[in-house]
Amino acid sequence: STIPLFSQNQQDAEQIRAQGFSAVTVLDDRTEI
């Protein structure tokens, strides 16, 4: 649940956070990893 996780938008991020994941980032059009 602590793994860095990237989602496509805020809606998906909120869903995944509600599933217990604590390190969720929404992808911008351009994201530096």
PDB file of all heavy atoms in Angstrom:
ATOM      1  N   SER A   1       0.813  -1.224   0.000  1.00  0.00           N
ATOM      2  CA  SER A   1       0.000   0.000   0.000  1.00  0.00           C
ATOM      3  C   SER A   1       0.840   1.265   0.000  1.00  0.00           C
ATOM      4  O   SER A   1       0.321   2.356  -0.245  1.00  0.00           O
ATOM      5  CB  SER A   1      -0.933   0.004   1.211  1.00  0.00           C
ATOM      6  OG  SER A   1      -0.177   0.015   2.412  1.00  0.00           O
ATOM      7  N   THR A   2       2.137   1.130   0.248  1.00  0.00           N
ATOM      8  CA  THR A   2       3.019   2.305   0.291  1.00  0.00           C
ATOM      9  C   THR A   2       3.808   2.511  -0.994  1.00  0.00           C
ATOM     10  O   THR A   2       4.596   3.460  -1.084  1.00  0.00           O
ATOM     11  CB  THR A   2       4.007   2.176   1.465  1.00  0.00           C
ATOM     12  OG1 THR A   2       4.727   0.935   1.321  1.00  0.00           O
ATOM     13  CG2 THR A   2       3.273   2.190   2.800  1.00  0.00           C
ATOM     14  N   ILE A   3       3.624   1.654  -1.987  1.00  0.00           N
ATOM     15  CA  ILE A   3       4.399   1.782  -3.222  1.00  0.00           C
ATOM     16  C   ILE A   3       4.006   3.063  -3.953  1.00  0.00           C
ATOM     17  O   ILE A   3       2.821   3.445  -3.959  1.00  0.00           O
ATOM     18  CB  ILE A   3       4.183   0.547  -4.123  1.00  0.00           C
ATOM     19  CG1 ILE A   3       5.260   0.481  -5.219  1.00  0.00           C
ATOM     20  CG2 ILE A   3       2.790   0.531  -4.746  1.00  0.00           C
ATOM     21  CD1 ILE A   3       5.303  -0.845  -5.957  1.00  0.00           C
ATOM     22  N   PRO A   4       4.939   3.769  -4.566  1.00  0.00           N
ATOM     23  CA  PRO A   4       4.566   4.912  -5.405  1.00  0.00           C
ATOM     24  C   PRO A   4       3.649   4.441  -6.543  1.00  0.00           C
ATOM     25  O   PRO A   4       3.987   3.508  -7.278  1.00  0.00           O
ATOM     26  CB  PRO A   4       5.898   5.420  -5.940  1.00  0.00           C
ATOM     27  CG  PRO A   4       6.903   4.967  -4.931  1.00  0.00           C
ATOM     28  CD  PRO A   4       6.412   3.637  -4.444  1.00  0.00           C
ATOM     29  N   LEU A   5       2.498   5.082  -6.654  1.00  0.00           N
ATOM     30  CA  LEU A   5       1.497   4.661  -7.626  1.00  0.00           C
ATOM     31  C   LEU A   5       0.997   5.888  -8.378  1.00  0.00           C
ATOM     32  O   LEU A   5       0.694   6.913  -7.775  1.00  0.00           O
ATOM     33  CB  LEU A   5       0.337   3.946  -6.915  1.00  0.00           C
ATOM     34  CG  LEU A   5      -0.671   3.210  -7.786  1.00  0.00           C
ATOM     35  CD1 LEU A   5      -1.263   2.013  -7.038  1.00  0.00           C
ATOM     36  CD2 LEU A   5      -1.782   4.126  -8.273  1.00  0.00           C
ATOM     37  N   PHE A   6       0.899   5.770  -9.703  1.00  0.00           N
ATOM     38  CA  PHE A   6       0.507   6.886 -10.551  1.00  0.00           C
ATOM     39  C   PHE A   6      -0.813   6.552 -11.241  1.00  0.00           C
ATOM     40  O   PHE A   6      -0.974   5.459 -11.786  1.00  0.00           O
ATOM     41  CB  PHE A   6       1.591   7.179 -11.591  1.00  0.00           C
ATOM     42  CG  PHE A   6       2.895   7.622 -10.980  1.00  0.00           C
ATOM     43  CD1 PHE A   6       3.835   6.685 -10.557  1.00  0.00           C
ATOM     44  CD2 PHE A   6       3.177   8.971 -10.811  1.00  0.00           C
ATOM     45  CE1 PHE A   6       5.025   7.086  -9.986  1.00  0.00           C
ATOM     46  CE2 PHE A   6       4.372   9.386 -10.242  1.00  0.00           C
ATOM     47  CZ  PHE A   6       5.291   8.441  -9.816  1.00  0.00           C
ATOM     48  N   SER A   7      -1.743   7.513 -11.210  1.00  0.00           N
ATOM     49  CA  SER A   7      -3.052   7.317 -11.832  1.00  0.00           C
ATOM     50  C   SER A   7      -3.285   8.398 -12.883  1.00  0.00           C
ATOM     51  O   SER A   7      -2.599   9.421 -12.918  1.00  0.00           O
ATOM     52  CB  SER A   7      -4.164   7.365 -10.786  1.00  0.00           C
ATOM     53  OG  SER A   7      -4.295   8.675 -10.270  1.00  0.00           O
ATOM     54  N   GLN A   8      -4.294   8.173 -13.724  1.00  0.00           N
ATOM     55  CA  GLN A   8      -4.516   9.078 -14.853  1.00  0.00           C
ATOM     56  C   GLN A   8      -5.188  10.391 -14.461  1.00  0.00           C
ATOM     57  O   GLN A   8      -5.013  11.404 -15.149  1.00  0.00           O
ATOM     58  CB  GLN A   8      -5.363   8.386 -15.925  1.00  0.00           C
ATOM     59  CG  GLN A   8      -6.793   8.072 -15.471  1.00  0.00           C
ATOM     60  CD  GLN A   8      -7.716   7.719 -16.625  1.00  0.00           C
ATOM     61  OE1 GLN A   8      -7.506   8.152 -17.751  1.00  0.00           O
ATOM     62  NE2 GLN A   8      -8.737   6.922 -16.348  1.00  0.00           N
ATOM     63  N   ASN A   9      -5.974  10.401 -13.396  1.00  0.00           N
ATOM     64  CA  ASN A   9      -6.703  11.616 -13.027  1.00  0.00           C
ATOM     65  C   ASN A   9      -7.064  11.588 -11.548  1.00  0.00           C
ATOM     66  O   ASN A   9      -6.833  10.596 -10.848  1.00  0.00           O
ATOM     67  CB  ASN A   9      -7.956  11.805 -13.903  1.00  0.00           C
ATOM     68  CG  ASN A   9      -8.896  10.603 -13.863  1.00  0.00           C
ATOM     69  OD1 ASN A   9      -8.981   9.891 -12.875  1.00  0.00           O
ATOM     70  ND2 ASN A   9      -9.604  10.389 -14.964  1.00  0.00           N
ATOM     71  N   GLN A  10      -7.638  12.688 -11.094  1.00  0.00           N
ATOM     72  CA  GLN A  10      -7.958  12.821  -9.676  1.00  0.00           C
ATOM     73  C   GLN A  10      -9.031  11.835  -9.240  1.00  0.00           C
ATOM     74  O   GLN A  10      -8.983  11.307  -8.130  1.00  0.00           O
ATOM     75  CB  GLN A  10      -8.416  14.259  -9.381  1.00  0.00           C
ATOM     76  CG  GLN A  10      -8.537  14.579  -7.901  1.00  0.00           C
ATOM     77  CD  GLN A  10      -7.214  14.447  -7.162  1.00  0.00           C
ATOM     78  OE1 GLN A  10      -6.168  14.845  -7.664  1.00  0.00           O
ATOM     79  NE2 GLN A  10      -7.236  13.880  -5.960  1.00  0.00           N
ATOM     80  N   GLN A  11      -9.990  11.570 -10.100  1.00  0.00           N
ATOM     81  CA  GLN A  11     -11.057  10.628  -9.766  1.00  0.00           C
ATOM     82  C   GLN A  11     -10.483   9.245  -9.475  1.00  0.00           C
ATOM     83  O   GLN A  11     -10.831   8.618  -8.459  1.00  0.00           O
ATOM     84  CB  GLN A  11     -12.059  10.551 -10.908  1.00  0.00           C
ATOM     85  CG  GLN A  11     -13.211   9.578 -10.658  1.00  0.00           C
ATOM     86  CD  GLN A  11     -14.181   9.537 -11.827  1.00  0.00           C
ATOM     87  OE1 GLN A  11     -14.241  10.457 -12.647  1.00  0.00           O
ATOM     88  NE2 GLN A  11     -14.942   8.471 -11.916  1.00  0.00           N
ATOM     89  N   ASP A  12      -9.605   8.761 -10.347  1.00  0.00           N
ATOM     90  CA  ASP A  12      -8.990   7.455 -10.110  1.00  0.00           C
ATOM     91  C   ASP A  12      -8.096   7.493  -8.876  1.00  0.00           C
ATOM     92  O   ASP A  12      -8.050   6.525  -8.100  1.00  0.00           O
ATOM     93  CB  ASP A  12      -8.163   7.027 -11.329  1.00  0.00           C
ATOM     94  CG  ASP A  12      -9.018   6.505 -12.466  1.00  0.00           C
ATOM     95  OD1 ASP A  12     -10.267   6.605 -12.377  1.00  0.00           O
ATOM     96  OD2 ASP A  12      -8.453   6.014 -13.462  1.00  0.00           O
ATOM     97  N   ALA A  13      -7.390   8.599  -8.674  1.00  0.00           N
ATOM     98  CA  ALA A  13      -6.511   8.711  -7.511  1.00  0.00           C
ATOM     99  C   ALA A  13      -7.305   8.617  -6.218  1.00  0.00           C
ATOM    100  O   ALA A  13      -6.901   7.921  -5.270  1.00  0.00           O
ATOM    101  CB  ALA A  13      -5.742  10.027  -7.556  1.00  0.00           C
ATOM    102  N   GLU A  14      -8.442   9.282  -6.159  1.00  0.00           N
ATOM    103  CA  GLU A  14      -9.267   9.226  -4.949  1.00  0.00           C
ATOM    104  C   GLU A  14      -9.786   7.816  -4.712  1.00  0.00           C
ATOM    105  O   GLU A  14      -9.835   7.348  -3.565  1.00  0.00           O
ATOM    106  CB  GLU A  14     -10.416  10.220  -5.074  1.00  0.00           C
ATOM    107  CG  GLU A  14      -9.968  11.674  -5.005  1.00  0.00           C
ATOM    108  CD  GLU A  14     -11.088  12.659  -5.285  1.00  0.00           C
ATOM    109  OE1 GLU A  14     -12.236  12.203  -5.515  1.00  0.00           O
ATOM    110  OE2 GLU A  14     -10.821  13.879  -5.274  1.00  0.00           O
ATOM    111  N   GLN A  15     -10.161   7.137  -5.780  1.00  0.00           N
ATOM    112  CA  GLN A  15     -10.629   5.752  -5.649  1.00  0.00           C
ATOM    113  C   GLN A  15      -9.520   4.860  -5.097  1.00  0.00           C
ATOM    114  O   GLN A  15      -9.749   4.049  -4.188  1.00  0.00           O
ATOM    115  CB  GLN A  15     -11.099   5.240  -7.008  1.00  0.00           C
ATOM    116  CG  GLN A  15     -11.555   3.788  -7.004  1.00  0.00           C
ATOM    117  CD  GLN A  15     -11.968   3.325  -8.390  1.00  0.00           C
ATOM    118  OE1 GLN A  15     -12.319   4.123  -9.269  1.00  0.00           O
ATOM    119  NE2 GLN A  15     -11.929   2.022  -8.608  1.00  0.00           N
ATOM    120  N   ILE A  16      -8.314   5.017  -5.624  1.00  0.00           N
ATOM    121  CA  ILE A  16      -7.201   4.164  -5.203  1.00  0.00           C
ATOM    122  C   ILE A  16      -6.770   4.503  -3.775  1.00  0.00           C
ATOM    123  O   ILE A  16      -6.448   3.603  -2.992  1.00  0.00           O
ATOM    124  CB  ILE A  16      -6.044   4.278  -6.215  1.00  0.00           C
ATOM    125  CG1 ILE A  16      -6.486   3.686  -7.568  1.00  0.00           C
ATOM    126  CG2 ILE A  16      -4.797   3.569  -5.718  1.00  0.00           C
ATOM    127  CD1 ILE A  16      -5.558   4.014  -8.726  1.00  0.00           C
ATOM    128  N   ARG A  17      -6.785   5.769  -3.424  1.00  0.00           N
ATOM    129  CA  ARG A  17      -6.477   6.136  -2.036  1.00  0.00           C
ATOM    130  C   ARG A  17      -7.491   5.540  -1.083  1.00  0.00           C
ATOM    131  O   ARG A  17      -7.134   5.066   0.009  1.00  0.00           O
ATOM    132  CB  ARG A  17      -6.442   7.654  -1.899  1.00  0.00           C
ATOM    133  CG  ARG A  17      -5.244   8.327  -2.563  1.00  0.00           C
ATOM    134  CD  ARG A  17      -5.237   9.823  -2.319  1.00  0.00           C
ATOM    135  NE  ARG A  17      -4.201  10.489  -3.099  1.00  0.00           N
ATOM    136  CZ  ARG A  17      -4.426  11.396  -4.034  1.00  0.00           C
ATOM    137  NH1 ARG A  17      -5.682  11.788  -4.306  1.00  0.00           N
ATOM    138  NH2 ARG A  17      -3.422  11.939  -4.705  1.00  0.00           N
ATOM    139  N   ALA A  18      -8.762   5.532  -1.475  1.00  0.00           N
ATOM    140  CA  ALA A  18      -9.802   4.947  -0.632  1.00  0.00           C
ATOM    141  C   ALA A  18      -9.621   3.445  -0.466  1.00  0.00           C
ATOM    142  O   ALA A  18     -10.133   2.857   0.498  1.00  0.00           O
ATOM    143  CB  ALA A  18     -11.179   5.248  -1.225  1.00  0.00           C
ATOM    144  N   GLN A  19      -8.870   2.833  -1.367  1.00  0.00           N
ATOM    145  CA  GLN A  19      -8.567   1.401  -1.274  1.00  0.00           C
ATOM    146  C   GLN A  19      -7.340   1.136  -0.412  1.00  0.00           C
ATOM    147  O   GLN A  19      -6.903  -0.002  -0.302  1.00  0.00           O
ATOM    148  CB  GLN A  19      -8.383   0.838  -2.686  1.00  0.00           C
ATOM    149  CG  GLN A  19      -9.681   0.836  -3.494  1.00  0.00           C
ATOM    150  CD  GLN A  19      -9.457   0.694  -5.000  1.00  0.00           C
ATOM    151  OE1 GLN A  19      -8.343   0.864  -5.505  1.00  0.00           O
ATOM    152  NE2 GLN A  19     -10.520   0.370  -5.719  1.00  0.00           N
ATOM    153  N   GLY A  20      -6.770   2.196   0.178  1.00  0.00           N
ATOM    154  CA  GLY A  20      -5.711   2.029   1.159  1.00  0.00           C
ATOM    155  C   GLY A  20      -4.320   2.397   0.705  1.00  0.00           C
ATOM    156  O   GLY A  20      -3.360   2.204   1.460  1.00  0.00           O
ATOM    157  N   PHE A  21      -4.176   2.941  -0.485  1.00  0.00           N
ATOM    158  CA  PHE A  21      -2.843   3.263  -1.008  1.00  0.00           C
ATOM    159  C   PHE A  21      -2.487   4.695  -0.633  1.00  0.00           C
ATOM    160  O   PHE A  21      -3.269   5.631  -0.844  1.00  0.00           O
ATOM    161  CB  PHE A  21      -2.783   3.022  -2.514  1.00  0.00           C
ATOM    162  CG  PHE A  21      -2.804   1.552  -2.847  1.00  0.00           C
ATOM    163  CD1 PHE A  21      -4.005   0.851  -2.862  1.00  0.00           C
ATOM    164  CD2 PHE A  21      -1.635   0.860  -3.071  1.00  0.00           C
ATOM    165  CE1 PHE A  21      -4.034  -0.507  -3.123  1.00  0.00           C
ATOM    166  CE2 PHE A  21      -1.645  -0.508  -3.327  1.00  0.00           C
ATOM    167  CZ  PHE A  21      -2.849  -1.193  -3.352  1.00  0.00           C
ATOM    168  N   SER A  22      -1.290   4.874  -0.098  1.00  0.00           N
ATOM    169  CA  SER A  22      -0.940   6.138   0.545  1.00  0.00           C
ATOM    170  C   SER A  22       0.002   7.014  -0.270  1.00  0.00           C
ATOM    171  O   SER A  22       0.267   8.145   0.127  1.00  0.00           O
ATOM    172  CB  SER A  22      -0.291   5.853   1.899  1.00  0.00           C
ATOM    173  OG  SER A  22       0.889   5.074   1.751  1.00  0.00           O
ATOM    174  N   ALA A  23       0.507   6.509  -1.395  1.00  0.00           N
ATOM    175  CA  ALA A  23       1.497   7.274  -2.167  1.00  0.00           C
ATOM    176  C   ALA A  23       1.045   7.405  -3.611  1.00  0.00           C
ATOM    177  O   ALA A  23       1.765   7.035  -4.548  1.00  0.00           O
ATOM    178  CB  ALA A  23       2.868   6.608  -2.084  1.00  0.00           C
ATOM    179  N   VAL A  24      -0.160   7.947  -3.800  1.00  0.00           N
ATOM    180  CA  VAL A  24      -0.766   8.045  -5.120  1.00  0.00           C
ATOM    181  C   VAL A  24      -0.519   9.438  -5.696  1.00  0.00           C
ATOM    182  O   VAL A  24      -0.797  10.445  -5.046  1.00  0.00           O
ATOM    183  CB  VAL A  24      -2.274   7.753  -5.064  1.00  0.00           C
ATOM    184  CG1 VAL A  24      -2.880   7.810  -6.463  1.00  0.00           C
ATOM    185  CG2 VAL A  24      -2.541   6.398  -4.413  1.00  0.00           C
ATOM    186  N   THR A  25      -0.019   9.494  -6.926  1.00  0.00           N
ATOM    187  CA  THR A  25       0.235  10.748  -7.631  1.00  0.00           C
ATOM    188  C   THR A  25      -0.564  10.753  -8.926  1.00  0.00           C
ATOM    189  O   THR A  25      -0.590   9.757  -9.650  1.00  0.00           O
ATOM    190  CB  THR A  25       1.734  10.889  -7.958  1.00  0.00           C
ATOM    191  OG1 THR A  25       2.488  10.881  -6.746  1.00  0.00           O
ATOM    192  CG2 THR A  25       2.008  12.180  -8.727  1.00  0.00           C
ATOM    193  N   VAL A  26      -1.204  11.870  -9.210  1.00  0.00           N
ATOM    194  CA  VAL A  26      -1.915  12.022 -10.482  1.00  0.00           C
ATOM    195  C   VAL A  26      -0.913  12.429 -11.556  1.00  0.00           C
ATOM    196  O   VAL A  26      -0.146  13.377 -11.382  1.00  0.00           O
ATOM    197  CB  VAL A  26      -3.024  13.074 -10.367  1.00  0.00           C
ATOM    198  CG1 VAL A  26      -3.706  13.288 -11.717  1.00  0.00           C
ATOM    199  CG2 VAL A  26      -4.056  12.655  -9.319  1.00  0.00           C
ATOM    200  N   LEU A  27      -0.903  11.719 -12.660  1.00  0.00           N
ATOM    201  CA  LEU A  27      -0.030  12.069 -13.774  1.00  0.00           C
ATOM    202  C   LEU A  27      -0.452  13.399 -14.376  1.00  0.00           C
ATOM    203  O   LEU A  27      -1.632  13.610 -14.692  1.00  0.00           O
ATOM    204  CB  LEU A  27      -0.084  10.985 -14.851  1.00  0.00           C
ATOM    205  CG  LEU A  27       0.562   9.633 -14.532  1.00  0.00           C
ATOM    206  CD1 LEU A  27       0.130   8.594 -15.558  1.00  0.00           C
ATOM    207  CD2 LEU A  27       2.084   9.738 -14.477  1.00  0.00           C
ATOM    208  N   ASP A  28       0.488  14.292 -14.537  1.00  0.00           N
ATOM    209  CA  ASP A  28       0.256  15.494 -15.333  1.00  0.00           C
ATOM    210  C   ASP A  28       0.418  15.139 -16.812  1.00  0.00           C
ATOM    211  O   ASP A  28       0.766  14.003 -17.164  1.00  0.00           O
ATOM    212  CB  ASP A  28       1.262  16.583 -14.955  1.00  0.00           C
ATOM    213  CG  ASP A  28       1.055  17.099 -13.541  1.00  0.00           C
ATOM    214  OD1 ASP A  28      -0.124  17.207 -13.122  1.00  0.00           O
ATOM    215  OD2 ASP A  28       2.062  17.382 -12.869  1.00  0.00           O
ATOM    216  N   ASP A  29       0.194  16.112 -17.666  1.00  0.00           N
ATOM    217  CA  ASP A  29       0.479  15.860 -19.080  1.00  0.00           C
ATOM    218  C   ASP A  29       1.933  15.440 -19.256  1.00  0.00           C
ATOM    219  O   ASP A  29       2.251  14.591 -20.088  1.00  0.00           O
ATOM    220  CB  ASP A  29       0.193  17.109 -19.907  1.00  0.00           C
ATOM    221  CG  ASP A  29      -1.296  17.413 -19.990  1.00  0.00           C
ATOM    222  OD1 ASP A  29      -2.108  16.502 -19.745  1.00  0.00           O
ATOM    223  OD2 ASP A  29      -1.636  18.567 -20.308  1.00  0.00           O
ATOM    224  N   ARG A  30       2.817  16.029 -18.430  1.00  0.00           N
ATOM    225  CA  ARG A  30       4.226  15.647 -18.394  1.00  0.00           C
ATOM    226  C   ARG A  30       4.618  15.461 -16.940  1.00  0.00           C
ATOM    227  O   ARG A  30       4.438  16.368 -16.125  1.00  0.00           O
ATOM    228  CB  ARG A  30       5.095  16.716 -19.047  1.00  0.00           C
ATOM    229  CG  ARG A  30       6.583  16.471 -18.892  1.00  0.00           C
ATOM    230  CD  ARG A  30       7.409  17.514 -19.610  1.00  0.00           C
ATOM    231  NE  ARG A  30       8.841  17.309 -19.370  1.00  0.00           N
ATOM    232  CZ  ARG A  30       9.803  17.837 -20.131  1.00  0.00           C
ATOM    233  NH1 ARG A  30       9.484  18.602 -21.169  1.00  0.00           N
ATOM    234  NH2 ARG A  30      11.075  17.609 -19.847  1.00  0.00           N
ATOM    235  N   THR A  31       5.142  14.290 -16.610  1.00  0.00           N
ATOM    236  CA  THR A  31       5.539  13.972 -15.239  1.00  0.00           C
ATOM    237  C   THR A  31       6.981  13.494 -15.237  1.00  0.00           C
ATOM    238  O   THR A  31       7.353  12.629 -16.056  1.00  0.00           O
ATOM    239  CB  THR A  31       4.625  12.878 -14.640  1.00  0.00           C
ATOM    240  OG1 THR A  31       3.276  13.341 -14.647  1.00  0.00           O
ATOM    241  CG2 THR A  31       5.038  12.531 -13.216  1.00  0.00           C
ATOM    242  N   GLU A  32       7.793  14.041 -14.354  1.00  0.00           N
ATOM    243  CA  GLU A  32       9.174  13.591 -14.206  1.00  0.00           C
ATOM    244  C   GLU A  32       9.252  12.573 -13.067  1.00  0.00           C
ATOM    245  O   GLU A  32       8.860  12.858 -11.942  1.00  0.00           O
ATOM    246  CB  GLU A  32      10.093  14.774 -13.905  1.00  0.00           C
ATOM    247  CG  GLU A  32      10.039  15.888 -14.940  1.00  0.00           C
ATOM    248  CD  GLU A  32      10.559  15.478 -16.307  1.00  0.00           C
ATOM    249  OE1 GLU A  32      11.379  14.540 -16.373  1.00  0.00           O
ATOM    250  OE2 GLU A  32      10.143  16.101 -17.298  1.00  0.00           O
ATOM    251  N   ILE A  33       9.738  11.392 -13.373  1.00  0.00           N
ATOM    252  CA  ILE A  33       9.960  10.346 -12.364  1.00  0.00           C
ATOM    253  C   ILE A  33      11.461  10.092 -12.358  1.00  0.00           C
ATOM    254  O   ILE A  33      11.996   9.374 -13.206  1.00  0.00           O
ATOM    255  CB  ILE A  33       9.166   9.062 -12.684  1.00  0.00           C
ATOM    256  CG1 ILE A  33       7.668   9.378 -12.827  1.00  0.00           C
ATOM    257  CG2 ILE A  33       9.389   8.011 -11.599  1.00  0.00           C
ATOM    258  CD1 ILE A  33       6.821   8.186 -13.237  1.00  0.00           C
TER     259      ILE A  33
END
